[in-house]
Amino acid sequence: MKTVMKTVTMMILTTGLMLLSAEADSKKIEKKNPPKNRRVAQEMIKKSGGVKHMPSKIKFSQLGSEKVGETYYHVYVGKTEKKGYYVYVFDNTPRYLGYYKVVNEPIDFVGGKKEGGILISLEDSDTFDNLGNEDSDVPNSEKIRIKEKTGPVDNTKIDNLYIKFIPAPKKKVSLLVKKDNKAVKKPVYREWTITKQGKTLKVRAIFLKRVFGNVQLRGEASGNAVWLPTSSISEADKKYIEQYPLQKKK
């Protein structure tokens, strides 16, 4: 009986590690993943930030998708009826990150090994024709930097004017209550360390629930939910899941 249980446990661990390993490999070979189309991008902005982020009567267009370091960012532009432009930034999830409000026209988005840039024209132009221009060597322009890991910079200066990045509103974090009535924050995606036969694998996943001897995680990239033996995760991971109550095994 013990042999059968050990075999089943190893099968669960192997299956879970295969799914999470596939997810980790997919993160290394990241493909361009912008919003499906402009309409979808607009709906994502409206849903996240409302009219503050997406005013009515705005002319909306995609500026470009470029690889910055090992990941992609996607930039859209909204021209208002009055003089001015909204510059919207998405990551490669895709997830709406926020916007800049600029006076001059955004004319190109270029990638780079460590950082990319949204080029803003210094010419006094009201046209919208240059969006999507593939010529990255644009004279008389300034750049809003987008860094590989941290994304759009918080503040920048264009034509001697300081502009601020307005992030997408964060969703309110709900609370879970333990048996001792201590409140803990809702689980978030984080890096987990999983060990199998002496080998370690690091994956990004979110905690779902735990029962005696097992923990359930959902991979960030794949969306797969898998059960793993608690003994296979690191001591730091074990300490992390202790804040959440044990559930009865169904």
C-alpha atoms as a PDB file:
ATOM      1  CA  MET A   1       0.000   0.000   0.000  1.00  0.00           C
ATOM      2  CA  LYS A   2       2.850   2.383   0.886  1.00  0.00           C
ATOM      3  CA  THR A   3       4.504   1.596  -2.454  1.00  0.00           C
ATOM      4  CA  VAL A   4       1.282   2.431  -4.327  1.00  0.00           C
ATOM      5  CA  MET A   5       0.876   5.724  -2.431  1.00  0.00           C
ATOM      6  CA  LYS A   6       4.508   6.619  -3.129  1.00  0.00           C
ATOM      7  CA  THR A   7       4.029   5.889  -6.839  1.00  0.00           C
ATOM      8  CA  VAL A   8       0.865   8.026  -6.998  1.00  0.00           C
ATOM      9  CA  THR A   9       2.628  10.895  -5.208  1.00  0.00           C
ATOM     10  CA  MET A  10       5.525  10.741  -7.668  1.00  0.00           C
ATOM     11  CA  MET A  11       3.083  10.730 -10.599  1.00  0.00           C
ATOM     12  CA  ILE A  12       1.333  13.854  -9.224  1.00  0.00           C
ATOM     13  CA  LEU A  13       4.664  15.596  -8.689  1.00  0.00           C
ATOM     14  CA  THR A  14       5.961  14.678 -12.148  1.00  0.00           C
ATOM     15  CA  THR A  15       2.769  15.865 -13.881  1.00  0.00           C
ATOM     16  CA  GLY A  16       2.762  19.124 -11.955  1.00  0.00           C
ATOM     17  CA  LEU A  17       6.424  19.800 -12.656  1.00  0.00           C
ATOM     18  CA  MET A  18       5.965  19.057 -16.350  1.00  0.00           C
ATOM     19  CA  LEU A  19       3.148  21.610 -16.583  1.00  0.00           C
ATOM     20  CA  LEU A  20       5.044  24.250 -14.629  1.00  0.00           C
ATOM     21  CA  SER A  21       8.282  23.492 -16.484  1.00  0.00           C
ATOM     22  CA  ALA A  22       6.502  24.008 -19.805  1.00  0.00           C
ATOM     23  CA  GLU A  23       5.291  27.326 -18.485  1.00  0.00           C
ATOM     24  CA  ALA A  24       8.829  28.324 -17.471  1.00  0.00           C
ATOM     25  CA  ASP A  25      10.170  27.396 -20.920  1.00  0.00           C
ATOM     26  CA  SER A  26       7.407  29.430 -22.593  1.00  0.00           C
ATOM     27  CA  LYS A  27       8.501  32.463 -20.572  1.00  0.00           C
ATOM     28  CA  LYS A  28      12.001  32.134 -22.034  1.00  0.00           C
ATOM     29  CA  ILE A  29      10.675  32.066 -25.609  1.00  0.00           C
ATOM     30  CA  GLU A  30       8.207  34.888 -25.270  1.00  0.00           C
ATOM     31  CA  LYS A  31       6.120  35.700 -28.315  1.00  0.00           C
ATOM     32  CA  LYS A  32       4.478  38.977 -29.220  1.00  0.00           C
ATOM     33  CA  ASN A  33       1.100  39.091 -27.496  1.00  0.00           C
ATOM     34  CA  PRO A  34      -0.667  42.461 -27.911  1.00  0.00           C
ATOM     35  CA  PRO A  35      -4.398  43.028 -27.357  1.00  0.00           C
ATOM     36  CA  LYS A  36      -6.366  41.268 -30.112  1.00  0.00           C
ATOM     37  CA  ASN A  37      -7.259  44.523 -31.870  1.00  0.00           C
ATOM     38  CA  ARG A  38      -7.754  48.255 -31.237  1.00  0.00           C
ATOM     39  CA  ARG A  39     -11.333  47.802 -30.043  1.00  0.00           C
ATOM     40  CA  VAL A  40     -10.241  45.241 -27.452  1.00  0.00           C
ATOM     41  CA  ALA A  41      -7.425  47.544 -26.313  1.00  0.00           C
ATOM     42  CA  GLN A  42      -9.902  50.404 -25.859  1.00  0.00           C
ATOM     43  CA  GLU A  43     -12.284  48.197 -23.884  1.00  0.00           C
ATOM     44  CA  MET A  44      -9.445  47.110 -21.587  1.00  0.00           C
ATOM     45  CA  ILE A  45      -8.521  50.738 -20.910  1.00  0.00           C
ATOM     46  CA  LYS A  46     -12.160  51.748 -20.294  1.00  0.00           C
ATOM     47  CA  LYS A  47     -12.763  48.793 -17.978  1.00  0.00           C
ATOM     48  CA  SER A  48      -9.642  49.553 -15.975  1.00  0.00           C
ATOM     49  CA  GLY A  49      -9.620  53.356 -15.788  1.00  0.00           C
ATOM     50  CA  GLY A  50     -12.987  54.635 -17.042  1.00  0.00           C
ATOM     51  CA  VAL A  51     -13.364  58.043 -18.703  1.00  0.00           C
ATOM     52  CA  LYS A  52     -10.324  59.425 -16.891  1.00  0.00           C
ATOM     53  CA  HIS A  53      -8.139  57.082 -18.918  1.00  0.00           C
ATOM     54  CA  MET A  54     -10.310  56.891 -22.053  1.00  0.00           C
ATOM     55  CA  PRO A  55     -12.191  60.162 -22.726  1.00  0.00           C
ATOM     56  CA  SER A  56     -15.058  60.207 -25.223  1.00  0.00           C
ATOM     57  CA  LYS A  57     -14.472  61.352 -28.815  1.00  0.00           C
ATOM     58  CA  ILE A  58     -10.881  60.200 -29.019  1.00  0.00           C
ATOM     59  CA  LYS A  59      -9.110  59.014 -32.175  1.00  0.00           C
ATOM     60  CA  PHE A  60      -7.407  55.744 -31.235  1.00  0.00           C
ATOM     61  CA  SER A  61      -4.546  54.000 -33.057  1.00  0.00           C
ATOM     62  CA  GLN A  62      -1.720  51.538 -32.401  1.00  0.00           C
ATOM     63  CA  LEU A  63       1.766  53.040 -32.339  1.00  0.00           C
ATOM     64  CA  GLY A  64       3.618  49.730 -32.287  1.00  0.00           C
ATOM     65  CA  SER A  65       4.740  46.549 -30.513  1.00  0.00           C
ATOM     66  CA  GLU A  66       8.443  46.202 -29.774  1.00  0.00           C
ATOM     67  CA  LYS A  67      10.708  43.866 -27.848  1.00  0.00           C
ATOM     68  CA  VAL A  68      12.411  45.491 -24.869  1.00  0.00           C
ATOM     69  CA  GLY A  69      15.034  43.152 -23.444  1.00  0.00           C
ATOM     70  CA  GLU A  70      13.373  39.726 -23.319  1.00  0.00           C
ATOM     71  CA  THR A  71       9.743  40.855 -23.369  1.00  0.00           C
ATOM     72  CA  TYR A  72       7.363  42.889 -25.514  1.00  0.00           C
ATOM     73  CA  TYR A  73       5.502  46.113 -24.782  1.00  0.00           C
ATOM     74  CA  HIS A  74       2.612  47.507 -26.828  1.00  0.00           C
ATOM     75  CA  VAL A  75       1.836  51.206 -27.261  1.00  0.00           C
ATOM     76  CA  TYR A  76      -1.368  52.890 -28.451  1.00  0.00           C
ATOM     77  CA  VAL A  77      -2.173  56.553 -28.976  1.00  0.00           C
ATOM     78  CA  GLY A  78      -5.403  58.473 -28.522  1.00  0.00           C
ATOM     79  CA  LYS A  79      -5.710  61.935 -30.082  1.00  0.00           C
ATOM     80  CA  THR A  80      -8.151  64.224 -28.356  1.00  0.00           C
ATOM     81  CA  GLU A  81     -10.378  66.784 -30.095  1.00  0.00           C
ATOM     82  CA  LYS A  82      -8.362  69.472 -28.391  1.00  0.00           C
ATOM     83  CA  LYS A  83      -4.588  69.631 -28.728  1.00  0.00           C
ATOM     84  CA  GLY A  84      -3.021  66.682 -26.945  1.00  0.00           C
ATOM     85  CA  TYR A  85      -2.424  62.927 -26.988  1.00  0.00           C
ATOM     86  CA  TYR A  86      -2.862  60.011 -24.612  1.00  0.00           C
ATOM     87  CA  VAL A  87      -0.019  57.463 -24.870  1.00  0.00           C
ATOM     88  CA  TYR A  88      -1.212  54.060 -23.574  1.00  0.00           C
ATOM     89  CA  VAL A  89       1.162  51.240 -22.594  1.00  0.00           C
ATOM     90  CA  PHE A  90       0.389  47.499 -22.344  1.00  0.00           C
ATOM     91  CA  ASP A  91       2.677  44.692 -21.218  1.00  0.00           C
ATOM     92  CA  ASN A  92       2.808  41.321 -22.989  1.00  0.00           C
ATOM     93  CA  THR A  93       0.227  39.559 -20.768  1.00  0.00           C
ATOM     94  CA  PRO A  94      -1.437  41.657 -22.272  1.00  0.00           C
ATOM     95  CA  ARG A  95      -2.329  43.949 -19.375  1.00  0.00           C
ATOM     96  CA  TYR A  96      -3.038  47.668 -19.470  1.00  0.00           C
ATOM     97  CA  LEU A  97      -0.363  49.498 -17.449  1.00  0.00           C
ATOM     98  CA  GLY A  98      -1.338  53.170 -17.744  1.00  0.00           C
ATOM     99  CA  TYR A  99      -0.842  56.299 -19.841  1.00  0.00           C
ATOM    100  CA  TYR A 100       1.066  59.547 -20.416  1.00  0.00           C
ATOM    101  CA  LYS A 101      -0.647  62.759 -21.502  1.00  0.00           C
ATOM    102  CA  VAL A 102       1.556  64.722 -23.946  1.00  0.00           C
ATOM    103  CA  VAL A 103       1.101  67.849 -26.035  1.00  0.00           C
ATOM    104  CA  ASN A 104       3.314  66.869 -28.961  1.00  0.00           C
ATOM    105  CA  GLU A 105       2.638  63.999 -31.337  1.00  0.00           C
ATOM    106  CA  PRO A 106       3.919  60.455 -30.591  1.00  0.00           C
ATOM    107  CA  ILE A 107       5.559  59.281 -33.821  1.00  0.00           C
ATOM    108  CA  ASP A 108       7.272  55.941 -33.147  1.00  0.00           C
ATOM    109  CA  PHE A 109       7.956  53.191 -30.612  1.00  0.00           C
ATOM    110  CA  VAL A 110      11.403  51.556 -30.711  1.00  0.00           C
ATOM    111  CA  GLY A 111      12.740  48.531 -28.832  1.00  0.00           C
ATOM    112  CA  GLY A 112      16.151  47.814 -27.347  1.00  0.00           C
ATOM    113  CA  LYS A 113      18.260  45.372 -25.333  1.00  0.00           C
ATOM    114  CA  LYS A 114      17.771  47.104 -21.965  1.00  0.00           C
ATOM    115  CA  GLU A 115      15.185  49.778 -22.674  1.00  0.00           C
ATOM    116  CA  GLY A 116      12.928  51.004 -25.446  1.00  0.00           C
ATOM    117  CA  GLY A 117      11.435  54.373 -26.139  1.00  0.00           C
ATOM    118  CA  ILE A 118       8.300  56.155 -27.302  1.00  0.00           C
ATOM    119  CA  LEU A 119       9.462  58.946 -29.595  1.00  0.00           C
ATOM    120  CA  ILE A 120       7.635  62.248 -29.201  1.00  0.00           C
ATOM    121  CA  SER A 121       7.958  64.822 -31.990  1.00  0.00           C
ATOM    122  CA  LEU A 122       9.128  68.311 -31.096  1.00  0.00           C
ATOM    123  CA  GLU A 123       7.481  69.699 -34.214  1.00  0.00           C
ATOM    124  CA  ASP A 124       4.206  71.569 -33.731  1.00  0.00           C
ATOM    125  CA  SER A 125       2.033  69.138 -35.699  1.00  0.00           C
ATOM    126  CA  ASP A 126      -1.680  68.310 -35.526  1.00  0.00           C
ATOM    127  CA  THR A 127      -1.530  65.406 -37.992  1.00  0.00           C
ATOM    128  CA  PHE A 128      -1.973  61.770 -37.067  1.00  0.00           C
ATOM    129  CA  ASP A 129      -0.375  60.375 -40.221  1.00  0.00           C
ATOM    130  CA  ASN A 130       3.023  59.423 -38.819  1.00  0.00           C
ATOM    131  CA  LEU A 131       1.749  56.797 -36.376  1.00  0.00           C
ATOM    132  CA  GLY A 132       3.376  53.463 -37.076  1.00  0.00           C
ATOM    133  CA  ASN A 133       6.349  55.018 -38.877  1.00  0.00           C
ATOM    134  CA  GLU A 134       9.037  52.330 -38.872  1.00  0.00           C
ATOM    135  CA  ASP A 135      11.898  54.834 -39.219  1.00  0.00           C
ATOM    136  CA  SER A 136      13.374  54.894 -35.730  1.00  0.00           C
ATOM    137  CA  ASP A 137      15.984  57.501 -36.631  1.00  0.00           C
ATOM    138  CA  VAL A 138      13.584  60.407 -36.184  1.00  0.00           C
ATOM    139  CA  PRO A 139      15.199  63.855 -35.891  1.00  0.00           C
ATOM    140  CA  ASN A 140      13.982  66.572 -33.547  1.00  0.00           C
ATOM    141  CA  SER A 141      12.249  64.260 -31.088  1.00  0.00           C
ATOM    142  CA  GLU A 142      12.515  63.215 -27.448  1.00  0.00           C
ATOM    143  CA  LYS A 143      11.992  59.810 -25.878  1.00  0.00           C
ATOM    144  CA  ILE A 144       9.823  58.389 -23.111  1.00  0.00           C
ATOM    145  CA  ARG A 145      11.820  55.450 -21.797  1.00  0.00           C
ATOM    146  CA  ILE A 146      10.366  51.975 -21.227  1.00  0.00           C
ATOM    147  CA  LYS A 147      12.655  49.695 -19.237  1.00  0.00           C
ATOM    148  CA  GLU A 148      12.782  45.924 -19.624  1.00  0.00           C
ATOM    149  CA  LYS A 149      11.799  44.915 -16.085  1.00  0.00           C
ATOM    150  CA  THR A 150      10.109  47.974 -14.612  1.00  0.00           C
ATOM    151  CA  GLY A 151       8.248  49.195 -17.722  1.00  0.00           C
ATOM    152  CA  PRO A 152       7.355  52.876 -18.321  1.00  0.00           C
ATOM    153  CA  VAL A 153       9.336  55.422 -16.275  1.00  0.00           C
ATOM    154  CA  ASP A 154       7.325  57.326 -13.662  1.00  0.00           C
ATOM    155  CA  ASN A 155       8.338  60.802 -14.792  1.00  0.00           C
ATOM    156  CA  THR A 156       9.988  62.263 -17.865  1.00  0.00           C
ATOM    157  CA  LYS A 157      10.587  65.587 -19.586  1.00  0.00           C
ATOM    158  CA  ILE A 158       9.383  66.386 -23.116  1.00  0.00           C
ATOM    159  CA  ASP A 159      10.010  69.779 -24.714  1.00  0.00           C
ATOM    160  CA  ASN A 160      10.866  71.208 -21.256  1.00  0.00           C
ATOM    161  CA  LEU A 161       7.565  69.982 -19.807  1.00  0.00           C
ATOM    162  CA  TYR A 162       7.445  67.322 -17.081  1.00  0.00           C
ATOM    163  CA  ILE A 163       4.940  64.554 -17.721  1.00  0.00           C
ATOM    164  CA  LYS A 164       3.883  61.856 -15.297  1.00  0.00           C
ATOM    165  CA  PHE A 165       2.913  58.255 -15.932  1.00  0.00           C
ATOM    166  CA  ILE A 166      -0.643  57.639 -14.714  1.00  0.00           C
ATOM    167  CA  PRO A 167      -0.875  53.935 -13.798  1.00  0.00           C
ATOM    168  CA  ALA A 168      -3.986  51.830 -14.300  1.00  0.00           C
ATOM    169  CA  PRO A 169      -6.009  51.691 -11.060  1.00  0.00           C
ATOM    170  CA  LYS A 170      -5.133  48.723  -8.897  1.00  0.00           C
ATOM    171  CA  LYS A 171      -7.922  46.362  -7.969  1.00  0.00           C
ATOM    172  CA  LYS A 172      -8.839  46.399  -4.305  1.00  0.00           C
ATOM    173  CA  VAL A 173      -7.276  43.458  -2.503  1.00  0.00           C
ATOM    174  CA  SER A 174      -9.850  41.405  -0.667  1.00  0.00           C
ATOM    175  CA  LEU A 175      -8.988  39.796   2.669  1.00  0.00           C
ATOM    176  CA  LEU A 176      -9.118  36.182   3.767  1.00  0.00           C
ATOM    177  CA  VAL A 177      -9.758  35.458   7.430  1.00  0.00           C
ATOM    178  CA  LYS A 178      -7.998  32.671   9.301  1.00  0.00           C
ATOM    179  CA  LYS A 179      -9.552  30.702  12.118  1.00  0.00           C
ATOM    180  CA  ASP A 180      -7.841  32.925  14.667  1.00  0.00           C
ATOM    181  CA  ASN A 181      -9.516  35.942  12.972  1.00  0.00           C
ATOM    182  CA  LYS A 182      -6.232  37.371  11.723  1.00  0.00           C
ATOM    183  CA  ALA A 183      -6.678  38.932   8.287  1.00  0.00           C
ATOM    184  CA  VAL A 184      -4.261  38.023   5.495  1.00  0.00           C
ATOM    185  CA  LYS A 185      -3.931  39.423   2.001  1.00  0.00           C
ATOM    186  CA  LYS A 186      -5.305  37.680  -1.054  1.00  0.00           C
ATOM    187  CA  PRO A 187      -2.669  35.469  -2.763  1.00  0.00           C
ATOM    188  CA  VAL A 188      -0.690  37.007  -5.630  1.00  0.00           C
ATOM    189  CA  TYR A 189       1.540  35.576  -8.345  1.00  0.00           C
ATOM    190  CA  ARG A 190       5.057  34.971  -7.007  1.00  0.00           C
ATOM    191  CA  GLU A 191       8.110  32.825  -7.674  1.00  0.00           C
ATOM    192  CA  TRP A 192       8.042  29.312  -6.205  1.00  0.00           C
ATOM    193  CA  THR A 193      10.970  26.894  -5.826  1.00  0.00           C
ATOM    194  CA  ILE A 194      10.027  23.259  -6.475  1.00  0.00           C
ATOM    195  CA  THR A 195      12.391  20.318  -5.942  1.00  0.00           C
ATOM    196  CA  LYS A 196      12.256  16.958  -7.680  1.00  0.00           C
ATOM    197  CA  GLN A 197      14.925  14.282  -7.279  1.00  0.00           C
ATOM    198  CA  GLY A 198      17.480  16.844  -6.143  1.00  0.00           C
ATOM    199  CA  LYS A 199      16.790  19.257  -9.013  1.00  0.00           C
ATOM    200  CA  THR A 200      15.154  22.637  -8.480  1.00  0.00           C
ATOM    201  CA  LEU A 201      12.742  24.524 -10.726  1.00  0.00           C
ATOM    202  CA  LYS A 202      11.647  28.128 -10.265  1.00  0.00           C
ATOM    203  CA  VAL A 203       8.188  29.071 -11.593  1.00  0.00           C
ATOM    204  CA  ARG A 204       5.729  31.934 -11.208  1.00  0.00           C
ATOM    205  CA  ALA A 205       2.389  30.780  -9.847  1.00  0.00           C
ATOM    206  CA  ILE A 206      -0.388  31.732  -7.454  1.00  0.00           C
ATOM    207  CA  PHE A 207      -1.508  29.824  -4.359  1.00  0.00           C
ATOM    208  CA  LEU A 208      -5.015  28.341  -4.651  1.00  0.00           C
ATOM    209  CA  LYS A 209      -5.463  26.137  -1.575  1.00  0.00           C
ATOM    210  CA  ARG A 210      -3.795  23.571   0.613  1.00  0.00           C
ATOM    211  CA  VAL A 211      -4.834  20.342   2.235  1.00  0.00           C
ATOM    212  CA  PHE A 212      -2.833  18.108   4.529  1.00  0.00           C
ATOM    213  CA  GLY A 213       0.350  17.156   2.655  1.00  0.00           C
ATOM    214  CA  ASN A 214      -0.459  18.915  -0.632  1.00  0.00           C
ATOM    215  CA  VAL A 215      -0.670  22.415  -2.095  1.00  0.00           C
ATOM    216  CA  GLN A 216      -2.480  23.588  -5.241  1.00  0.00           C
ATOM    217  CA  LEU A 217      -0.899  26.257  -7.484  1.00  0.00           C
ATOM    218  CA  ARG A 218      -1.936  27.905 -10.756  1.00  0.00           C
ATOM    219  CA  GLY A 219       0.814  28.778 -13.264  1.00  0.00           C
ATOM    220  CA  GLU A 220       0.844  32.436 -14.360  1.00  0.00           C
ATOM    221  CA  ALA A 221       1.555  31.840 -18.057  1.00  0.00           C
ATOM    222  CA  SER A 222      -0.283  28.548 -18.649  1.00  0.00           C
ATOM    223  CA  GLY A 223      -3.239  29.056 -16.327  1.00  0.00           C
ATOM    224  CA  ASN A 224      -2.996  25.376 -15.317  1.00  0.00           C
ATOM    225  CA  ALA A 225      -3.926  24.411 -11.740  1.00  0.00           C
ATOM    226  CA  VAL A 226      -1.805  21.563 -10.330  1.00  0.00           C
ATOM    227  CA  TRP A 227      -1.470  19.742  -6.995  1.00  0.00           C
ATOM    228  CA  LEU A 228       2.036  19.288  -5.581  1.00  0.00           C
ATOM    229  CA  PRO A 229       3.272  17.594  -2.408  1.00  0.00           C
ATOM    230  CA  THR A 230       4.061  20.230   0.220  1.00  0.00           C
ATOM    231  CA  SER A 231       7.412  18.513   0.725  1.00  0.00           C
ATOM    232  CA  SER A 232       8.428  19.506  -2.823  1.00  0.00           C
ATOM    233  CA  ILE A 233       8.326  23.273  -2.220  1.00  0.00           C
ATOM    234  CA  SER A 234      11.010  25.363  -0.487  1.00  0.00           C
ATOM    235  CA  GLU A 235      11.019  26.298   3.198  1.00  0.00           C
ATOM    236  CA  ALA A 236      10.194  29.900   2.250  1.00  0.00           C
ATOM    237  CA  ASP A 237       7.206  28.657   0.236  1.00  0.00           C
ATOM    238  CA  LYS A 238       6.031  26.489   3.143  1.00  0.00           C
ATOM    239  CA  LYS A 239       6.208  29.481   5.461  1.00  0.00           C
ATOM    240  CA  TYR A 240       4.254  31.550   2.930  1.00  0.00           C
ATOM    241  CA  ILE A 241       1.336  29.082   2.680  1.00  0.00           C
ATOM    242  CA  GLU A 242       1.054  28.737   6.454  1.00  0.00           C
ATOM    243  CA  GLN A 243      -0.884  32.021   6.550  1.00  0.00           C
ATOM    244  CA  TYR A 244      -3.762  30.350   4.692  1.00  0.00           C
ATOM    245  CA  PRO A 245      -6.060  27.853   6.428  1.00  0.00           C
ATOM    246  CA  LEU A 246      -5.973  24.151   5.728  1.00  0.00           C
ATOM    247  CA  GLN A 247      -8.980  22.820   3.853  1.00  0.00           C
ATOM    248  CA  LYS A 248     -10.579  19.441   4.119  1.00  0.00           C
ATOM    249  CA  LYS A 249      -9.618  17.021   1.388  1.00  0.00           C
ATOM    250  CA  LYS A 250     -12.603  16.139  -0.796  1.00  0.00           C
END
